[in-house]
Amino acid sequence: EVQLVESGGGLVQAGGSLRLSCVASGMSFEDHAIAWFRQVPGKDREGVASISKYAGRAYYADSVEGRFTISRDNSKNTVYLQMNDLKPEDTATYYCAAVEELIVILAIGWPSNYDYWGQGTQVTVST
């Protein structure tokens, strides 16, 4: 059974930093592209960043470009999202998602592109 478990969320002041982790099990981690999405109540799930299995190619939403960094450690089956200079509008539940990367991904994509999801971790940024 595939499992994705997120951690690292919390409450932080604007301008602060958090690092989210997503640990995968039950899958060949190195064969999967991994993405982070976020969602606030009443809104669609939004792609934040993704990382390919191919040379760690990374893609970011415009709203987080330059502030967030996605990385992966295949030896630990883990993907990280380093979030710096956080803003109140970053407040959301953050989800990691995975899909077997049969062809190289060229963007974050849509939630429907991903087969596996974690349970989410809450990030709250106060003013």
Foldseek 3Di string as FASTA:
>chain_A
DKAWAKDWADEEAAQAKIKMKIAIDDDQLLQKKKFKWWDDPPDDIGTAKIFWSPVGDMAGDPVQPPFWDWDDDSVRNMIMIIGGRDDQVVWTWMKMFIDRPPDTDDYRDDPVRTDDIHPTDTHGYHD
